[in-house]
Each structure stands twice: as C-alpha cells, then as structure tokens.
C-alpha cells in the first residue's frame, strides 16, 4: 500500500498501535482526493466485542461519506439524528446519523 500523505504523512497505512493483555489496537489510514480517514479498531481479547473509532478529515466540498459495517445479527439500531435520538433501520437499508449509532441486541452493544 502507498504511504499516506497530508495530515498522515510519514506514517504507515496500517499500524498496530497496541498489543497488550486487554486488547489489540490497529489504526488504518485511507484517502481519496483531499479527504482523509483514520480508522482505529480495538479488538478485545477476553470479551466478545470491538470498538471502532473513525476520524474524518473532510477536505473536499460537495462530498458524502458512507461508513459500511456489515453486521449479520439482528438487533435494535439507535442513532443521533438532526432531530434527537431515533430508532434507525434494522435491515440492509442506509440510514443517516450524526454523532453516534448503537446496535443493541439482547446481550451486547456495538457503539459508534
């Protein structure tokens, strides 16, 4: 993979930033035109969940960014929208959220 440029210049495209007893943290850098994205994955070693943090550096105008995370288990999806917190689509349709979304099933929660 090419080395990142701009705000990520000098860094590798994929980095293991922590590998301890609790979790493995990996960061990845993506870019298209003038927009840059940093995605950090925390994979917990003793638990059945992960954290995904996305930092978006929007350098283009008139562009929409989609985040796709394929999840095959049914659950309740809640997100913050322009009008407060609402239930979002639970099937494969797109939905728009602003600051966060939660995917909740009976036992586990996935939060972005």
C-alpha atoms as a PDB file:
ATOM      1  CA  UNK A   1       0.000   0.000   0.000  1.00  0.00           C
ATOM      2  CA  UNK A   2       1.094   3.561  -0.621  1.00  0.00           C
ATOM      3  CA  UNK A   3       2.347   5.638   2.285  1.00  0.00           C
ATOM      4  CA  UNK A   4      -0.239   8.176   3.491  1.00  0.00           C
ATOM      5  CA  UNK A   5       0.263  11.858   2.714  1.00  0.00           C
ATOM      6  CA  UNK A   6      -1.171  15.134   4.007  1.00  0.00           C
ATOM      7  CA  UNK A   7      -2.027  15.015   7.712  1.00  0.00           C
ATOM      8  CA  UNK A   8      -0.827  11.385   7.872  1.00  0.00           C
ATOM      9  CA  UNK A   9       2.476  11.936   6.024  1.00  0.00           C
ATOM     10  CA  UNK A  10       5.302   9.728   7.251  1.00  0.00           C
ATOM     11  CA  UNK A  11       3.006   7.057   8.745  1.00  0.00           C
ATOM     12  CA  UNK A  12       2.346   3.521   7.561  1.00  0.00           C
ATOM     13  CA  UNK A  13      -1.049   2.723   6.028  1.00  0.00           C
ATOM     14  CA  UNK A  14      -1.748   0.100   8.713  1.00  0.00           C
ATOM     15  CA  UNK A  15      -0.223   0.211  12.202  1.00  0.00           C
ATOM     16  CA  UNK A  16      -0.535  -1.974  15.268  1.00  0.00           C
ATOM     17  CA  UNK A  17      -0.599   0.707  17.947  1.00  0.00           C
ATOM     18  CA  UNK A  18      -1.116  -1.526  20.969  1.00  0.00           C
ATOM     19  CA  UNK A  19      -0.981  -5.244  21.629  1.00  0.00           C
ATOM     20  CA  UNK A  20      -1.473  -5.789  25.329  1.00  0.00           C
ATOM     21  CA  UNK A  21      -3.272  -8.173  27.635  1.00  0.00           C
ATOM     22  CA  UNK A  22      -6.637  -6.404  27.255  1.00  0.00           C
ATOM     23  CA  UNK A  23      -6.903  -5.566  23.548  1.00  0.00           C
ATOM     24  CA  UNK A  24      -5.200  -5.291  20.177  1.00  0.00           C
ATOM     25  CA  UNK A  25      -5.443  -1.797  18.633  1.00  0.00           C
ATOM     26  CA  UNK A  26      -4.925  -1.270  14.915  1.00  0.00           C
ATOM     27  CA  UNK A  27      -5.114   2.012  13.024  1.00  0.00           C
ATOM     28  CA  UNK A  28      -5.615   2.346   9.276  1.00  0.00           C
ATOM     29  CA  UNK A  29      -5.381   5.397   7.045  1.00  0.00           C
ATOM     30  CA  UNK A  30      -7.442   5.923   3.900  1.00  0.00           C
ATOM     31  CA  UNK A  31      -7.627   8.780   1.454  1.00  0.00           C
ATOM     32  CA  UNK A  32      -9.445   9.848  -1.666  1.00  0.00           C
ATOM     33  CA  UNK A  33      -8.760  13.165  -3.339  1.00  0.00           C
ATOM     34  CA  UNK A  34      -8.438  15.666  -0.458  1.00  0.00           C
ATOM     35  CA  UNK A  35     -10.368  13.691   2.169  1.00  0.00           C
ATOM     36  CA  UNK A  36      -8.511  11.579   4.754  1.00  0.00           C
ATOM     37  CA  UNK A  37      -9.847   8.990   7.196  1.00  0.00           C
ATOM     38  CA  UNK A  38      -8.235   7.352  10.226  1.00  0.00           C
ATOM     39  CA  UNK A  39      -9.965   4.188  11.487  1.00  0.00           C
ATOM     40  CA  UNK A  40      -8.941   2.638  14.802  1.00  0.00           C
ATOM     41  CA  UNK A  41     -10.058  -0.875  15.680  1.00  0.00           C
ATOM     42  CA  UNK A  42      -9.816  -2.186  19.260  1.00  0.00           C
ATOM     43  CA  UNK A  43     -10.258  -5.942  19.393  1.00  0.00           C
ATOM     44  CA  UNK A  44     -10.713  -7.076  22.988  1.00  0.00           C
ATOM     45  CA  UNK A  45      -9.022 -10.322  23.873  1.00  0.00           C
ATOM     46  CA  UNK A  46     -11.258 -11.514  26.719  1.00  0.00           C
ATOM     47  CA  UNK A  47     -14.582 -10.052  25.574  1.00  0.00           C
ATOM     48  CA  UNK A  48     -16.816 -10.599  22.567  1.00  0.00           C
ATOM     49  CA  UNK A  49     -16.900  -7.011  21.317  1.00  0.00           C
ATOM     50  CA  UNK A  50     -14.830  -4.460  19.417  1.00  0.00           C
ATOM     51  CA  UNK A  51     -14.577  -0.669  19.310  1.00  0.00           C
ATOM     52  CA  UNK A  52     -14.307   1.203  16.017  1.00  0.00           C
ATOM     53  CA  UNK A  53     -13.342   4.902  16.080  1.00  0.00           C
ATOM     54  CA  UNK A  54     -13.403   6.900  12.845  1.00  0.00           C
ATOM     55  CA  UNK A  55     -11.707  10.292  12.446  1.00  0.00           C
ATOM     56  CA  UNK A  56     -12.764  12.038   9.249  1.00  0.00           C
ATOM     57  CA  UNK A  57     -10.762  14.941   7.820  1.00  0.00           C
ATOM     58  CA  UNK A  58     -13.053  16.320   5.130  1.00  0.00           C
ATOM     59  CA  UNK A  59     -11.008  18.201   2.554  1.00  0.00           C
ATOM     60  CA  UNK A  60     -13.496  18.110  -0.319  1.00  0.00           C
ATOM     61  CA  UNK A  61     -16.700  20.058  -0.836  1.00  0.00           C
ATOM     62  CA  UNK A  62     -19.967  18.531  -2.045  1.00  0.00           C
ATOM     63  CA  UNK A  63     -18.972  15.017  -0.946  1.00  0.00           C
ATOM     64  CA  UNK A  64     -20.872  12.482   1.139  1.00  0.00           C
ATOM     65  CA  UNK A  65     -19.032   9.814   3.111  1.00  0.00           C
ATOM     66  CA  UNK A  66     -20.554   6.385   3.744  1.00  0.00           C
ATOM     67  CA  UNK A  67     -19.452   4.063   6.522  1.00  0.00           C
ATOM     68  CA  UNK A  68     -20.362   0.440   5.858  1.00  0.00           C
ATOM     69  CA  UNK A  69     -20.069  -2.144   8.617  1.00  0.00           C
ATOM     70  CA  UNK A  70     -21.683  -5.433   7.631  1.00  0.00           C
ATOM     71  CA  UNK A  71     -23.399  -6.917  10.681  1.00  0.00           C
ATOM     72  CA  UNK A  72     -25.387 -10.096  10.160  1.00  0.00           C
ATOM     73  CA  UNK A  73     -27.030 -10.401  13.570  1.00  0.00           C
ATOM     74  CA  UNK A  74     -30.434  -8.834  14.203  1.00  0.00           C
ATOM     75  CA  UNK A  75     -30.751  -6.129  16.790  1.00  0.00           C
ATOM     76  CA  UNK A  76     -32.142  -2.696  17.568  1.00  0.00           C
ATOM     77  CA  UNK A  77     -30.351   0.275  15.950  1.00  0.00           C
ATOM     78  CA  UNK A  78     -30.470   3.712  17.595  1.00  0.00           C
ATOM     79  CA  UNK A  79     -28.700   6.845  16.382  1.00  0.00           C
ATOM     80  CA  UNK A  80     -28.445  10.565  16.905  1.00  0.00           C
ATOM     81  CA  UNK A  81     -30.067  12.449  14.032  1.00  0.00           C
ATOM     82  CA  UNK A  82     -30.778  16.124  13.398  1.00  0.00           C
ATOM     83  CA  UNK A  83     -33.950  15.804  15.488  1.00  0.00           C
ATOM     84  CA  UNK A  84     -32.653  13.875  18.510  1.00  0.00           C
ATOM     85  CA  UNK A  85     -32.168  10.174  19.128  1.00  0.00           C
ATOM     86  CA  UNK A  86     -34.255   7.864  16.947  1.00  0.00           C
ATOM     87  CA  UNK A  87     -34.653   4.211  16.045  1.00  0.00           C
ATOM     88  CA  UNK A  88     -32.960   3.548  12.693  1.00  0.00           C
ATOM     89  CA  UNK A  89     -33.464   0.865  10.047  1.00  0.00           C
ATOM     90  CA  UNK A  90     -32.605  -2.643  11.198  1.00  0.00           C
ATOM     91  CA  UNK A  91     -32.241  -4.156   7.738  1.00  0.00           C
ATOM     92  CA  UNK A  92     -29.724  -3.509   4.956  1.00  0.00           C
ATOM     93  CA  UNK A  93     -31.075  -0.043   4.087  1.00  0.00           C
ATOM     94  CA  UNK A  94     -28.932   3.050   4.509  1.00  0.00           C
ATOM     95  CA  UNK A  95     -29.540   5.378   7.408  1.00  0.00           C
ATOM     96  CA  UNK A  96     -28.107   8.744   8.361  1.00  0.00           C
ATOM     97  CA  UNK A  97     -26.730   9.533  11.790  1.00  0.00           C
ATOM     98  CA  UNK A  98     -24.591  12.369  13.117  1.00  0.00           C
ATOM     99  CA  UNK A  99     -22.544  11.752  16.237  1.00  0.00           C
ATOM    100  CA  UNK A 100     -23.185   8.110  17.127  1.00  0.00           C
ATOM    101  CA  UNK A 101     -25.179   4.996  16.494  1.00  0.00           C
ATOM    102  CA  UNK A 102     -25.789   1.992  18.730  1.00  0.00           C
ATOM    103  CA  UNK A 103     -26.521  -1.536  17.629  1.00  0.00           C
ATOM    104  CA  UNK A 104     -28.162  -3.359  20.527  1.00  0.00           C
ATOM    105  CA  UNK A 105     -29.127  -6.982  20.786  1.00  0.00           C
ATOM    106  CA  UNK A 106     -30.193  -8.873  23.890  1.00  0.00           C
ATOM    107  CA  UNK A 107     -26.687  -9.210  25.330  1.00  0.00           C
ATOM    108  CA  UNK A 108     -24.210  -6.944  23.511  1.00  0.00           C
ATOM    109  CA  UNK A 109     -23.987  -3.330  22.375  1.00  0.00           C
ATOM    110  CA  UNK A 110     -21.954  -2.023  19.411  1.00  0.00           C
ATOM    111  CA  UNK A 111     -21.444   1.753  19.552  1.00  0.00           C
ATOM    112  CA  UNK A 112     -20.027   4.207  17.005  1.00  0.00           C
END
